N, C-alpha and C. Protein backbone atom coordinates (compact mmCIF):
# COMPACT_ATOMS: atom_id res chain seq x y z
N UNK A 1 -6.59 39.45 -0.19
CA UNK A 1 -6.77 38.85 1.09
C UNK A 1 -6.74 37.48 1.41
N UNK A 2 -5.85 37.04 2.35
CA UNK A 2 -5.33 35.67 2.62
C UNK A 2 -5.78 35.09 3.87
N UNK A 3 -6.04 33.86 3.81
CA UNK A 3 -6.84 33.53 5.29
C UNK A 3 -5.93 31.82 5.14
N UNK A 4 -5.48 31.69 6.59
CA UNK A 4 -4.62 30.95 6.87
C UNK A 4 -5.31 29.42 7.67
N UNK A 5 -5.07 28.06 7.15
CA UNK A 5 -5.81 27.30 8.31
C UNK A 5 -5.02 26.46 8.53
N UNK A 6 -4.96 25.32 9.30
CA UNK A 6 -4.22 24.08 9.66
C UNK A 6 -4.91 22.89 9.09
N UNK A 7 -4.01 22.13 8.45
CA UNK A 7 -4.55 20.95 7.82
C UNK A 7 -3.57 19.78 8.01
N UNK A 8 -4.52 18.78 8.97
CA UNK A 8 -3.23 17.63 9.41
C UNK A 8 -3.14 16.81 8.08
N UNK A 9 -2.03 16.30 8.16
CA UNK A 9 -1.32 15.36 6.59
C UNK A 9 -0.39 14.78 8.23
N UNK A 10 -0.41 13.02 7.20
CA UNK A 10 0.10 12.08 7.60
C UNK A 10 1.71 12.13 7.58
N UNK A 11 2.31 11.69 8.81
CA UNK A 11 3.82 11.48 8.64
C UNK A 11 4.05 10.19 8.77
N UNK A 12 4.75 10.17 7.29
CA UNK A 12 5.05 8.44 6.91
C UNK A 12 5.64 8.08 7.96
N UNK A 13 6.85 8.65 8.24
CA UNK A 13 8.44 8.34 8.99
C UNK A 13 7.90 7.98 10.67
N UNK A 14 6.96 9.03 10.86
CA UNK A 14 6.45 8.75 12.43
C UNK A 14 5.43 7.64 12.74
N UNK A 15 4.77 7.75 11.41
CA UNK A 15 3.80 6.13 11.95
C UNK A 15 4.61 5.05 11.45
N UNK A 16 5.28 5.13 10.43
CA UNK A 16 6.18 3.67 10.50
C UNK A 16 6.93 3.68 11.68
N UNK A 17 7.50 4.12 12.57
CA UNK A 17 8.06 4.01 13.58
C UNK A 17 6.98 3.39 14.73
N UNK A 18 6.09 4.35 14.97
CA UNK A 18 4.99 3.90 15.62
C UNK A 18 4.41 2.47 15.68
N UNK A 19 4.20 2.31 14.41
CA UNK A 19 4.09 0.63 14.07
C UNK A 19 4.86 -0.20 14.61
N UNK A 20 6.43 0.00 14.04
CA UNK A 20 7.71 -0.92 14.40
C UNK A 20 7.69 -1.23 16.37
N UNK A 21 7.36 0.34 16.79
CA UNK A 21 7.39 0.23 17.74
C UNK A 21 6.13 -0.97 18.73
N UNK A 22 4.93 -0.63 18.44
CA UNK A 22 3.95 -1.12 18.70
C UNK A 22 4.10 -2.68 18.15
N UNK A 23 4.75 -3.37 17.55
CA UNK A 23 4.95 -4.50 16.97
C UNK A 23 6.12 -4.89 18.16
N UNK A 24 7.07 -4.50 18.10
CA UNK A 24 8.00 -4.89 19.38
C UNK A 24 7.44 -5.03 20.48
N UNK A 25 6.34 -3.95 21.08
CA UNK A 25 5.60 -4.08 22.55
C UNK A 25 4.87 -5.43 22.17
N UNK A 26 4.02 -5.82 21.40
CA UNK A 26 3.44 -7.24 21.41
C UNK A 26 4.30 -8.32 21.28
N UNK A 27 5.75 -8.10 20.90
CA UNK A 27 6.32 -9.46 20.25
C UNK A 27 6.51 -10.13 19.10
N UNK A 28 5.59 -9.12 18.17
CA UNK A 28 5.56 -9.48 16.71
C UNK A 28 6.61 -9.31 15.99
N UNK A 29 7.17 -9.94 14.96
CA UNK A 29 7.91 -9.71 13.97
C UNK A 29 7.60 -9.32 12.76
N UNK A 30 8.41 -8.63 11.59
CA UNK A 30 7.74 -8.30 10.55
C UNK A 30 7.36 -9.56 9.90
N UNK A 31 8.17 -10.81 10.11
CA UNK A 31 7.94 -11.70 9.00
C UNK A 31 6.33 -12.68 9.67
N UNK A 32 6.32 -12.71 10.77
CA UNK A 32 5.36 -13.09 11.27
C UNK A 32 3.71 -12.13 10.91
N UNK A 33 4.12 -10.98 10.97
CA UNK A 33 3.11 -9.80 10.33
C UNK A 33 2.67 -10.19 9.12
N UNK A 34 3.78 -10.64 8.16
CA UNK A 34 3.58 -10.55 6.53
C UNK A 34 2.90 -11.85 6.76
N UNK A 35 3.32 -12.85 7.16
CA UNK A 35 2.34 -14.34 7.30
C UNK A 35 0.85 -13.94 7.65
N UNK A 36 0.94 -13.34 8.67
CA UNK A 36 -0.38 -13.19 9.18
C UNK A 36 -1.54 -12.38 8.24
N UNK A 37 -0.62 -11.57 7.47
CA UNK A 37 -1.57 -10.36 6.68
C UNK A 37 -1.65 -10.72 5.12
N UNK A 38 -0.74 -12.38 5.15
CA UNK A 38 -0.92 -12.77 3.67
C UNK A 38 0.11 -12.20 2.53
N UNK A 39 1.26 -11.32 3.22
CA UNK A 39 1.84 -10.53 2.32
C UNK A 39 2.66 -11.41 1.43
N UNK A 40 2.59 -10.79 -0.05
CA UNK A 40 4.07 -12.28 -0.38
C UNK A 40 5.46 -11.66 -0.37
N UNK A 41 5.48 -10.46 0.14
CA UNK A 41 6.99 -10.31 0.38
C UNK A 41 6.99 -9.20 1.97
N UNK A 42 8.17 -9.59 2.74
CA UNK A 42 7.90 -8.67 4.18
C UNK A 42 8.30 -7.62 4.01
N UNK A 43 8.95 -7.42 2.64
CA UNK A 43 9.65 -6.00 2.31
C UNK A 43 8.78 -4.70 2.42
N UNK A 44 7.55 -5.36 2.33
CA UNK A 44 5.90 -4.34 2.48
C UNK A 44 6.06 -3.89 3.77
N UNK A 45 6.16 -4.54 4.94
CA UNK A 45 6.29 -4.30 6.40
C UNK A 45 7.49 -3.24 6.28
N UNK A 46 8.35 -3.60 5.95
CA UNK A 46 9.79 -2.50 6.22
C UNK A 46 9.33 -1.48 5.62
N UNK A 47 9.16 -1.37 4.60
CA UNK A 47 8.53 -0.03 3.72
C UNK A 47 7.60 0.80 4.46
N UNK A 48 6.85 0.34 5.01
CA UNK A 48 6.40 0.82 6.75
C UNK A 48 6.98 1.60 7.36
N UNK A 49 7.69 0.48 7.63
CA UNK A 49 8.69 0.92 9.01
C UNK A 49 9.71 2.26 8.40
N UNK A 50 9.94 1.88 6.96
CA UNK A 50 11.11 3.30 6.76
C UNK A 50 10.39 4.69 6.40
N UNK A 51 8.89 4.50 5.88
CA UNK A 51 7.94 5.47 5.80
C UNK A 51 8.08 5.98 4.32
N UNK A 52 8.11 4.66 3.73
CA UNK A 52 7.98 4.93 2.01
C UNK A 52 6.71 4.55 1.67
N UNK A 53 5.97 4.08 2.61
CA UNK A 53 4.57 3.95 2.09
C UNK A 53 3.57 3.58 3.53
N UNK A 54 2.21 3.61 3.16
CA UNK A 54 1.62 3.58 4.18
C UNK A 54 0.76 2.07 4.18
N UNK A 55 -0.02 1.57 5.09
CA UNK A 55 -0.69 0.53 5.16
C UNK A 55 -1.95 1.28 4.41
N UNK A 56 -2.51 0.56 3.61
CA UNK A 56 -4.21 0.58 2.75
C UNK A 56 -4.74 0.56 4.01
N UNK A 57 -5.99 1.32 3.81
CA UNK A 57 -7.05 1.48 4.74
C UNK A 57 -7.54 -0.15 5.23
N UNK A 58 -7.59 -0.98 4.38
CA UNK A 58 -8.07 -2.47 4.65
C UNK A 58 -6.76 -2.93 5.67
N UNK A 59 -5.82 -2.66 5.28
CA UNK A 59 -4.64 -2.93 6.23
C UNK A 59 -4.32 -2.50 7.50
N UNK A 60 -4.75 -1.26 7.57
CA UNK A 60 -4.64 -0.79 8.55
C UNK A 60 -5.72 -1.26 9.38
N UNK A 61 -6.90 -1.63 9.60
CA UNK A 61 -8.06 -2.40 10.05
C UNK A 61 -7.44 -3.46 10.76
N UNK A 62 -6.58 -4.28 9.98
CA UNK A 62 -6.39 -5.48 10.34
C UNK A 62 -5.16 -5.60 11.29
N UNK A 63 -4.31 -4.48 10.86
CA UNK A 63 -3.23 -4.55 11.55
C UNK A 63 -3.02 -4.01 13.04
N UNK A 64 -4.78 -2.51 13.57
CA UNK A 64 -5.31 -2.51 14.50
C UNK A 64 -6.02 -3.61 15.15
N UNK A 65 -6.07 -4.29 14.80
CA UNK A 65 -6.56 -5.64 15.17
C UNK A 65 -5.78 -6.75 15.89
N UNK A 66 -4.82 -6.87 15.37
CA UNK A 66 -3.46 -7.54 15.71
C UNK A 66 -2.82 -6.68 16.73
N UNK A 67 -2.49 -5.37 16.48
CA UNK A 67 -1.75 -4.87 17.71
C UNK A 67 -2.60 -4.41 18.62
N UNK A 68 -4.03 -4.94 18.55
CA UNK A 68 -5.08 -4.40 19.72
C UNK A 68 -5.06 -2.84 20.45
N UNK A 69 -4.95 -1.97 18.82
CA UNK A 69 -5.14 -0.86 19.31
C UNK A 69 -5.99 0.11 18.32
N UNK A 70 -6.70 0.69 18.20
CA UNK A 70 -7.45 1.54 17.38
C UNK A 70 -6.57 2.13 16.34
N UNK A 71 -7.10 2.28 15.03
CA UNK A 71 -6.50 2.79 13.79
C UNK A 71 -5.85 4.29 14.02
N UNK A 72 -6.85 4.87 14.82
CA UNK A 72 -6.23 6.41 15.14
C UNK A 72 -4.65 6.28 15.68
N UNK A 73 -4.59 5.42 16.80
CA UNK A 73 -3.30 4.95 17.01
C UNK A 73 -2.37 4.57 16.49
N UNK A 74 -2.46 4.01 15.29
CA UNK A 74 -1.41 4.00 14.52
C UNK A 74 -0.85 4.85 13.81
N UNK A 75 -1.70 5.49 13.13
CA UNK A 75 -1.24 7.14 11.97
C UNK A 75 -0.86 8.15 13.47
N UNK A 76 0.02 8.71 12.53
CA UNK A 76 0.54 9.79 13.15
C UNK A 76 0.50 10.93 12.30
N UNK A 77 -0.02 11.95 12.85
CA UNK A 77 -0.07 13.25 11.68
C UNK A 77 0.73 14.40 12.36
N UNK A 78 0.85 15.59 11.53
CA UNK A 78 1.29 16.75 11.73
C UNK A 78 0.40 17.74 10.93
N UNK A 79 0.18 19.18 11.59
CA UNK A 79 -0.14 19.86 11.03
C UNK A 79 0.83 21.00 10.16
N UNK A 80 -0.11 21.04 8.75
CA UNK A 80 0.25 22.09 7.67
C UNK A 80 -0.57 23.23 7.69
N UNK A 81 0.60 24.35 7.71
CA UNK A 81 -0.44 25.50 7.48
C UNK A 81 -0.34 25.74 6.25
N UNK A 82 -1.61 26.10 5.74
CA UNK A 82 -1.92 26.43 4.31
C UNK A 82 -2.39 27.93 3.95
N UNK A 83 -2.10 28.62 3.14
CA UNK A 83 -2.87 29.98 2.51
C UNK A 83 -3.59 29.98 1.57
N UNK A 84 -4.84 30.78 1.74
CA UNK A 84 -5.66 30.80 0.52
C UNK A 84 -5.60 32.10 0.32
N UNK A 85 -5.13 32.45 -1.08
CA UNK A 85 -5.32 34.05 -1.06
C UNK A 85 -6.35 34.01 -2.74
N UNK A 86 -6.96 35.58 -2.53
CA UNK A 86 -7.73 35.61 -3.81
C UNK A 86 -7.08 36.56 -4.34
N UNK A 87 -7.09 35.72 -6.12
CA UNK A 87 -6.42 36.27 -7.09
C UNK A 87 -7.42 36.56 -7.95
N UNK A 88 -7.70 38.01 -8.42
CA UNK A 88 -8.25 38.13 -9.29
C UNK A 88 -10.22 36.91 -9.61
N UNK A 89 -10.42 37.06 -8.13
CA UNK A 89 -11.66 36.60 -7.92
C UNK A 89 -11.49 35.24 -8.20
N UNK A 90 -10.10 34.60 -8.15
CA UNK A 90 -10.38 33.08 -8.00
C UNK A 90 -9.12 32.56 -6.72
N UNK A 91 -9.42 31.57 -5.68
CA UNK A 91 -8.52 31.23 -4.59
C UNK A 91 -7.44 30.16 -5.16
N UNK A 92 -6.43 30.36 -4.76
CA UNK A 92 -4.97 30.01 -4.92
C UNK A 92 -4.05 28.88 -3.60
N UNK A 93 -4.04 27.94 -3.83
CA UNK A 93 -3.57 27.35 -2.53
C UNK A 93 -2.10 27.81 -2.57
N UNK A 94 -1.30 27.92 -1.22
CA UNK A 94 -0.01 27.83 -0.97
C UNK A 94 0.29 27.00 0.42
N UNK A 95 1.41 26.11 0.31
CA UNK A 95 1.96 25.51 1.43
C UNK A 95 2.83 26.01 2.03
C-alpha cells in the first residue's frame, strides 16, 4: 500500500531571486546589507542570490525587518510529492 502526500521544500534559487528583487525595490545594495548585517564578506549575500545557501533564521528575522516584509514573504517554497510504502511492516520513503 502506498500513501502519497505533498511536502513543502524551500526553493533556494527562487528565494535568492526574491531577496534580490526586494532589495532592488528598496534601493538596498548587497554591500549596504553586508554592513548592516555585520557580515565579514559581501559574498554571503551573493550566495543567497545564487541559491547556494539560505540566510539563517536569525538573519531572516533581520532581513525581513530591513526589507519591511514578513519572513514568509522572503522564503519561496515548492511542493515535493512523497510516497510512503509499507515494506514488510516498515515504512520507506521515496521522492
